[in-house]
C-alpha atoms as a PDB file:
ATOM      1  CA  MET A   1       1.434  -2.024 -40.785  1.00  0.00           C
ATOM      2  CA  PRO A   2       4.056   0.794 -40.866  1.00  0.00           C
ATOM      3  CA  ASP A   3       7.531   0.139 -41.543  1.00  0.00           C
ATOM      4  CA  THR A   4       9.927  -0.393 -38.528  1.00  0.00           C
ATOM      5  CA  ALA A   5      12.676   2.300 -38.059  1.00  0.00           C
ATOM      6  CA  GLU A   6      16.264   1.255 -38.505  1.00  0.00           C
ATOM      7  CA  MET A   7      16.790   1.597 -34.657  1.00  0.00           C
ATOM      8  CA  TYR A   8      13.558   0.949 -33.047  1.00  0.00           C
ATOM      9  CA  LEU A   9      13.246   0.707 -29.232  1.00  0.00           C
ATOM     10  CA  PRO A  10       9.910   0.710 -27.590  1.00  0.00           C
ATOM     11  CA  HIS A  11      11.151   2.404 -24.221  1.00  0.00           C
ATOM     12  CA  PHE A  12      14.248   3.917 -22.924  1.00  0.00           C
ATOM     13  CA  VAL A  13      15.377   6.348 -20.199  1.00  0.00           C
ATOM     14  CA  VAL A  14      17.455   9.596 -20.303  1.00  0.00           C
ATOM     15  CA  ARG A  15      19.156  10.645 -17.176  1.00  0.00           C
ATOM     16  CA  GLN A  16      20.903  14.012 -16.910  1.00  0.00           C
ATOM     17  CA  LYS A  17      24.106  14.183 -15.178  1.00  0.00           C
ATOM     18  CA  LEU A  18      24.833  17.547 -13.371  1.00  0.00           C
ATOM     19  CA  THR A  19      28.202  19.426 -14.199  1.00  0.00           C
ATOM     20  CA  MET A  20      29.226  22.911 -14.271  1.00  0.00           C
ATOM     21  CA  MET A  21      29.799  23.654 -17.959  1.00  0.00           C
ATOM     22  CA  ILE A  22      28.277  20.855 -19.932  1.00  0.00           C
ATOM     23  CA  ASN A  23      24.873  19.057 -19.888  1.00  0.00           C
ATOM     24  CA  ARG A  24      25.510  15.300 -19.837  1.00  0.00           C
ATOM     25  CA  TYR A  25      23.027  12.779 -20.636  1.00  0.00           C
ATOM     26  CA  GLU A  26      23.040   8.911 -20.317  1.00  0.00           C
ATOM     27  CA  ILE A  27      20.480   7.241 -22.629  1.00  0.00           C
ATOM     28  CA  SER A  28      19.529   3.533 -21.791  1.00  0.00           C
ATOM     29  CA  GLU A  29      17.254   0.933 -23.118  1.00  0.00           C
ATOM     30  CA  SER A  30      14.765   0.024 -20.380  1.00  0.00           C
ATOM     31  CA  ASP A  31      12.373  -2.610 -19.463  1.00  0.00           C
ATOM     32  CA  GLU A  32       8.664  -1.713 -19.264  1.00  0.00           C
ATOM     33  CA  ALA A  33       8.957  -0.542 -15.740  1.00  0.00           C
ATOM     34  CA  GLY A  34      11.580   2.012 -16.858  1.00  0.00           C
ATOM     35  CA  ASN A  35      14.554   0.324 -15.279  1.00  0.00           C
ATOM     36  CA  PRO A  36      17.781   0.836 -17.418  1.00  0.00           C
ATOM     37  CA  THR A  37      18.942  -2.397 -19.068  1.00  0.00           C
ATOM     38  CA  ARG A  38      21.638  -1.264 -21.515  1.00  0.00           C
ATOM     39  CA  LEU A  39      23.570   1.947 -22.290  1.00  0.00           C
ATOM     40  CA  MET A  40      22.658   3.137 -25.854  1.00  0.00           C
ATOM     41  CA  ALA A  41      24.598   6.520 -25.849  1.00  0.00           C
ATOM     42  CA  LEU A  42      25.994   9.395 -23.954  1.00  0.00           C
ATOM     43  CA  ALA A  43      25.277  12.972 -25.045  1.00  0.00           C
ATOM     44  CA  GLU A  44      26.973  16.189 -24.385  1.00  0.00           C
ATOM     45  CA  GLN A  45      25.756  19.830 -24.877  1.00  0.00           C
ATOM     46  CA  LYS A  46      28.060  22.850 -24.162  1.00  0.00           C
ATOM     47  CA  ARG A  47      26.165  25.545 -22.375  1.00  0.00           C
ATOM     48  CA  MET A  48      25.928  29.041 -23.750  1.00  0.00           C
ATOM     49  CA  ALA A  49      26.968  27.725 -27.170  1.00  0.00           C
ATOM     50  CA  PHE A  50      26.742  30.043 -30.171  1.00  0.00           C
ATOM     51  CA  LYS A  51      24.932  27.441 -32.221  1.00  0.00           C
ATOM     52  CA  GLU A  52      23.025  24.763 -30.225  1.00  0.00           C
ATOM     53  CA  GLN A  53      24.592  21.238 -30.990  1.00  0.00           C
ATOM     54  CA  VAL A  54      24.262  17.985 -28.996  1.00  0.00           C
ATOM     55  CA  THR A  55      26.483  14.851 -30.013  1.00  0.00           C
ATOM     56  CA  PHE A  56      25.642  11.469 -28.894  1.00  0.00           C
ATOM     57  CA  PHE A  57      28.532   8.921 -28.376  1.00  0.00           C
ATOM     58  CA  ALA A  58      28.600   5.318 -28.449  1.00  0.00           C
ATOM     59  CA  ASP A  59      30.355   5.219 -24.773  1.00  0.00           C
ATOM     60  CA  ALA A  60      32.246   7.298 -22.271  1.00  0.00           C
ATOM     61  CA  SER A  61      35.451   7.369 -24.127  1.00  0.00           C
ATOM     62  CA  LYS A  62      33.643   9.765 -26.749  1.00  0.00           C
ATOM     63  CA  SER A  63      35.721   8.250 -29.490  1.00  0.00           C
ATOM     64  CA  ARG A  64      32.698   7.507 -31.706  1.00  0.00           C
ATOM     65  CA  PRO A  65      29.950   9.939 -32.302  1.00  0.00           C
ATOM     66  CA  VAL A  66      26.731   7.850 -33.282  1.00  0.00           C
ATOM     67  CA  PHE A  67      24.194  10.667 -33.914  1.00  0.00           C
ATOM     68  CA  GLY A  68      23.262  14.064 -32.823  1.00  0.00           C
ATOM     69  CA  PHE A  69      21.355  17.302 -33.416  1.00  0.00           C
ATOM     70  CA  LYS A  70      22.238  20.740 -34.580  1.00  0.00           C
ATOM     71  CA  ALA A  71      20.472  24.020 -34.895  1.00  0.00           C
ATOM     72  CA  ARG A  72      19.953  25.262 -38.365  1.00  0.00           C
ATOM     73  CA  ARG A  73      20.663  28.818 -37.398  1.00  0.00           C
ATOM     74  CA  ALA A  74      22.724  30.395 -34.613  1.00  0.00           C
ATOM     75  CA  ILE A  75      21.149  32.404 -31.684  1.00  0.00           C
ATOM     76  CA  ASP A  76      17.676  31.889 -32.886  1.00  0.00           C
ATOM     77  CA  LEU A  77      14.970  30.917 -30.442  1.00  0.00           C
ATOM     78  CA  ASN A  78      12.722  29.733 -33.216  1.00  0.00           C
ATOM     79  CA  ALA A  79      15.509  27.597 -34.853  1.00  0.00           C
ATOM     80  CA  GLY A  80      14.761  24.111 -36.095  1.00  0.00           C
ATOM     81  CA  TYR A  81      17.180  21.151 -35.199  1.00  0.00           C
ATOM     82  CA  ASP A  82      18.297  18.613 -37.816  1.00  0.00           C
ATOM     83  CA  ILE A  83      18.860  15.210 -36.236  1.00  0.00           C
ATOM     84  CA  THR A  84      21.620  13.304 -38.023  1.00  0.00           C
ATOM     85  CA  ASP A  85      23.166   9.651 -37.972  1.00  0.00           C
ATOM     86  CA  GLU A  86      26.713   8.682 -37.581  1.00  0.00           C
ATOM     87  CA  SER A  87      27.670   9.665 -41.272  1.00  0.00           C
ATOM     88  CA  GLY A  88      25.693  13.065 -40.958  1.00  0.00           C
ATOM     89  CA  ALA A  89      22.697  12.021 -43.057  1.00  0.00           C
ATOM     90  CA  GLN A  90      19.528  13.557 -41.793  1.00  0.00           C
ATOM     91  CA  ILE A  91      17.113  11.089 -40.127  1.00  0.00           C
ATOM     92  CA  GLY A  92      14.784  13.710 -38.443  1.00  0.00           C
ATOM     93  CA  TYR A  93      13.889  17.299 -37.341  1.00  0.00           C
ATOM     94  CA  PHE A  94      12.419  19.021 -34.493  1.00  0.00           C
ATOM     95  CA  LYS A  95      11.494  22.586 -33.639  1.00  0.00           C
ATOM     96  CA  LYS A  96       9.902  24.398 -30.618  1.00  0.00           C
ATOM     97  CA  GLU A  97       6.872  26.303 -31.663  1.00  0.00           C
ATOM     98  CA  PHE A  98       7.361  29.506 -29.628  1.00  0.00           C
ATOM     99  CA  GLY A  99       3.959  31.162 -30.304  1.00  0.00           C
ATOM    100  CA  ALA A 100       2.001  27.984 -29.309  1.00  0.00           C
ATOM    101  CA  SER A 101       4.445  27.561 -26.351  1.00  0.00           C
ATOM    102  CA  LEU A 102       3.469  30.603 -24.362  1.00  0.00           C
ATOM    103  CA  LEU A 103       1.136  28.629 -21.996  1.00  0.00           C
ATOM    104  CA  ARG A 104       2.006  24.984 -22.937  1.00  0.00           C
ATOM    105  CA  SER A 105       5.347  24.039 -24.556  1.00  0.00           C
ATOM    106  CA  THR A 106       4.718  22.623 -28.063  1.00  0.00           C
ATOM    107  CA  PHE A 107       7.260  20.900 -30.452  1.00  0.00           C
ATOM    108  CA  LEU A 108       7.084  19.797 -34.128  1.00  0.00           C
ATOM    109  CA  VAL A 109       8.807  16.543 -34.971  1.00  0.00           C
ATOM    110  CA  GLU A 110       9.384  14.862 -38.418  1.00  0.00           C
ATOM    111  CA  GLY A 111      11.100  11.516 -39.468  1.00  0.00           C
ATOM    112  CA  PRO A 112      10.893   9.202 -42.251  1.00  0.00           C
ATOM    113  CA  GLY A 113       7.250   8.515 -43.078  1.00  0.00           C
ATOM    114  CA  TYR A 114       5.720  10.696 -40.422  1.00  0.00           C
ATOM    115  CA  ALA A 115       5.266  14.134 -38.868  1.00  0.00           C
ATOM    116  CA  GLY A 116       3.518  15.290 -35.879  1.00  0.00           C
ATOM    117  CA  SER A 117       3.540  17.464 -32.718  1.00  0.00           C
ATOM    118  CA  GLY A 118       3.921  17.176 -28.975  1.00  0.00           C
ATOM    119  CA  ARG A 119       2.965  19.349 -26.171  1.00  0.00           C
ATOM    120  CA  GLU A 120       3.068  19.329 -22.403  1.00  0.00           C
ATOM    121  CA  ARG A 121       0.132  16.844 -21.191  1.00  0.00           C
ATOM    122  CA  ASN A 122      -1.027  19.062 -18.196  1.00  0.00           C
ATOM    123  CA  GLN A 123      -1.933  22.723 -18.585  1.00  0.00           C
ATOM    124  CA  LEU A 124      -1.610  23.482 -14.878  1.00  0.00           C
ATOM    125  CA  VAL A 125       1.673  21.685 -14.475  1.00  0.00           C
ATOM    126  CA  ALA A 126       2.907  23.941 -17.584  1.00  0.00           C
ATOM    127  CA  LEU A 127       1.708  27.205 -15.918  1.00  0.00           C
ATOM    128  CA  LEU A 128       3.401  26.159 -12.637  1.00  0.00           C
ATOM    129  CA  ARG A 129       6.715  25.408 -14.314  1.00  0.00           C
ATOM    130  CA  ARG A 130       6.593  28.932 -15.916  1.00  0.00           C
ATOM    131  CA  PHE A 131       5.719  30.923 -13.007  1.00  0.00           C
ATOM    132  CA  THR A 132       7.589  29.164 -10.145  1.00  0.00           C
ATOM    133  CA  ASP A 133      11.188  28.188  -9.340  1.00  0.00           C
ATOM    134  CA  VAL A 134      10.485  24.556  -8.743  1.00  0.00           C
ATOM    135  CA  ASP A 135      12.876  22.620 -10.808  1.00  0.00           C
ATOM    136  CA  PHE A 136      11.594  18.948 -10.045  1.00  0.00           C
ATOM    137  CA  ILE A 137       7.935  19.412 -11.213  1.00  0.00           C
ATOM    138  CA  PRO A 138       7.139  16.269 -13.443  1.00  0.00           C
ATOM    139  CA  VAL A 139       6.791  17.284 -17.093  1.00  0.00           C
ATOM    140  CA  ASN A 140       5.012  15.085 -19.570  1.00  0.00           C
ATOM    141  CA  PHE A 141       4.940  15.375 -23.328  1.00  0.00           C
ATOM    142  CA  ASP A 142       2.813  13.501 -25.783  1.00  0.00           C
ATOM    143  CA  PHE A 143       3.794  13.380 -29.473  1.00  0.00           C
ATOM    144  CA  VAL A 144       1.173  12.397 -32.035  1.00  0.00           C
ATOM    145  CA  ASP A 145       1.138  12.251 -35.819  1.00  0.00           C
ATOM    146  CA  THR A 146      -1.092  14.206 -38.077  1.00  0.00           C
ATOM    147  CA  THR A 147      -3.992  11.830 -37.648  1.00  0.00           C
ATOM    148  CA  GLY A 148      -3.663  12.143 -33.772  1.00  0.00           C
ATOM    149  CA  ALA A 149      -2.177   8.563 -33.383  1.00  0.00           C
ATOM    150  CA  PRO A 150       0.566   8.348 -30.680  1.00  0.00           C
ATOM    151  CA  LEU A 151       4.015   8.505 -31.893  1.00  0.00           C
ATOM    152  CA  PHE A 152       5.938   8.591 -28.496  1.00  0.00           C
ATOM    153  CA  SER A 153       5.902  10.165 -25.069  1.00  0.00           C
ATOM    154  CA  VAL A 154       8.406  11.859 -22.765  1.00  0.00           C
ATOM    155  CA  GLU A 155       7.610  11.746 -18.993  1.00  0.00           C
ATOM    156  CA  ARG A 156       9.883  13.310 -16.476  1.00  0.00           C
ATOM    157  CA  ARG A 157       9.760  11.946 -13.029  1.00  0.00           C
ATOM    158  CA  MET A 158       9.282  14.155  -9.988  1.00  0.00           C
ATOM    159  CA  SER A 159      13.011  14.388  -8.806  1.00  0.00           C
ATOM    160  CA  ILE A 160      15.921  16.816  -8.326  1.00  0.00           C
ATOM    161  CA  ARG A 161      17.905  15.307 -11.222  1.00  0.00           C
ATOM    162  CA  ASP A 162      16.264  15.223 -14.630  1.00  0.00           C
ATOM    163  CA  HIS A 163      15.182  11.707 -15.339  1.00  0.00           C
ATOM    164  CA  TYR A 164      13.039  11.068 -18.398  1.00  0.00           C
ATOM    165  CA  ARG A 165      11.044   7.806 -19.452  1.00  0.00           C
ATOM    166  CA  VAL A 166      10.450   7.613 -23.086  1.00  0.00           C
ATOM    167  CA  THR A 167       7.681   5.126 -24.509  1.00  0.00           C
ATOM    168  CA  VAL A 168       7.622   4.797 -28.373  1.00  0.00           C
ATOM    169  CA  PRO A 169       4.427   2.908 -29.512  1.00  0.00           C
ATOM    170  CA  ASP A 170       4.857   3.883 -33.197  1.00  0.00           C
ATOM    171  CA  ARG A 171       7.616   1.499 -34.840  1.00  0.00           C
ATOM    172  CA  ARG A 172       8.253   4.091 -37.387  1.00  0.00           C
ATOM    173  CA  VAL A 173      10.055   6.428 -34.813  1.00  0.00           C
ATOM    174  CA  ASP A 174      13.821   5.722 -34.831  1.00  0.00           C
ATOM    175  CA  PHE A 175      15.338   5.588 -31.208  1.00  0.00           C
ATOM    176  CA  ARG A 176      17.653   8.343 -32.345  1.00  0.00           C
ATOM    177  CA  VAL A 177      14.954  10.737 -33.277  1.00  0.00           C
ATOM    178  CA  ALA A 178      13.076  10.044 -29.898  1.00  0.00           C
ATOM    179  CA  ALA A 179      16.378  10.309 -27.810  1.00  0.00           C
ATOM    180  CA  ALA A 180      17.360  13.562 -29.679  1.00  0.00           C
ATOM    181  CA  VAL A 181      13.900  15.032 -28.900  1.00  0.00           C
ATOM    182  CA  ALA A 182      13.824  14.058 -25.306  1.00  0.00           C
ATOM    183  CA  VAL A 183      17.410  15.646 -24.708  1.00  0.00           C
ATOM    184  CA  GLY A 184      16.205  18.666 -26.650  1.00  0.00           C
ATOM    185  CA  LEU A 185      13.060  19.081 -24.532  1.00  0.00           C
ATOM    186  CA  ASP A 186      15.423  19.191 -21.527  1.00  0.00           C
ATOM    187  CA  ALA A 187      17.833  21.514 -23.024  1.00  0.00           C
ATOM    188  CA  LEU A 188      15.199  23.894 -24.504  1.00  0.00           C
ATOM    189  CA  MET A 189      12.497  23.794 -21.725  1.00  0.00           C
ATOM    190  CA  SER A 190      13.552  26.938 -20.083  1.00  0.00           C
ATOM    191  CA  ARG A 191      13.465  29.018 -23.129  1.00  0.00           C
END
């Protein structure tokens, strides 16, 4: 049986809060039905930043950053993103594969003891999302390891505001890695 990550959660939700200059996200542990039960982190991303960076805080006071992700290079559509813990130690990595993402968005992900990829579940929805201005189309990603075993999935409900349900069947996947990727999907989806 694989090792369990330091911070393993089998499911959680990510909700985007609409603001003018900053993308804000609330990440909450959830029950199996997807109902939020406990706030785990709040995230902020400055729009139009020179170098992509998202910081996750313990609470609304933003006095304690608990993890985050940052682009390895500035202004690079093919940049990779290091996911770090509270002390700045790397706990994971993800990257959008732009060549593979022309018709269906595809991401690589790595964490302690696993590597894999995820892509949009439905080709038709992927094409609709690219060629229409409909922002509330449901978007689902399935991440699998190199053997094809499920790592985690990210599902956006059909709604005006972005609301994602994240399910993590693989106990090796740290909550912080899955949360960073889920927020990264939202932030990078339109690129």
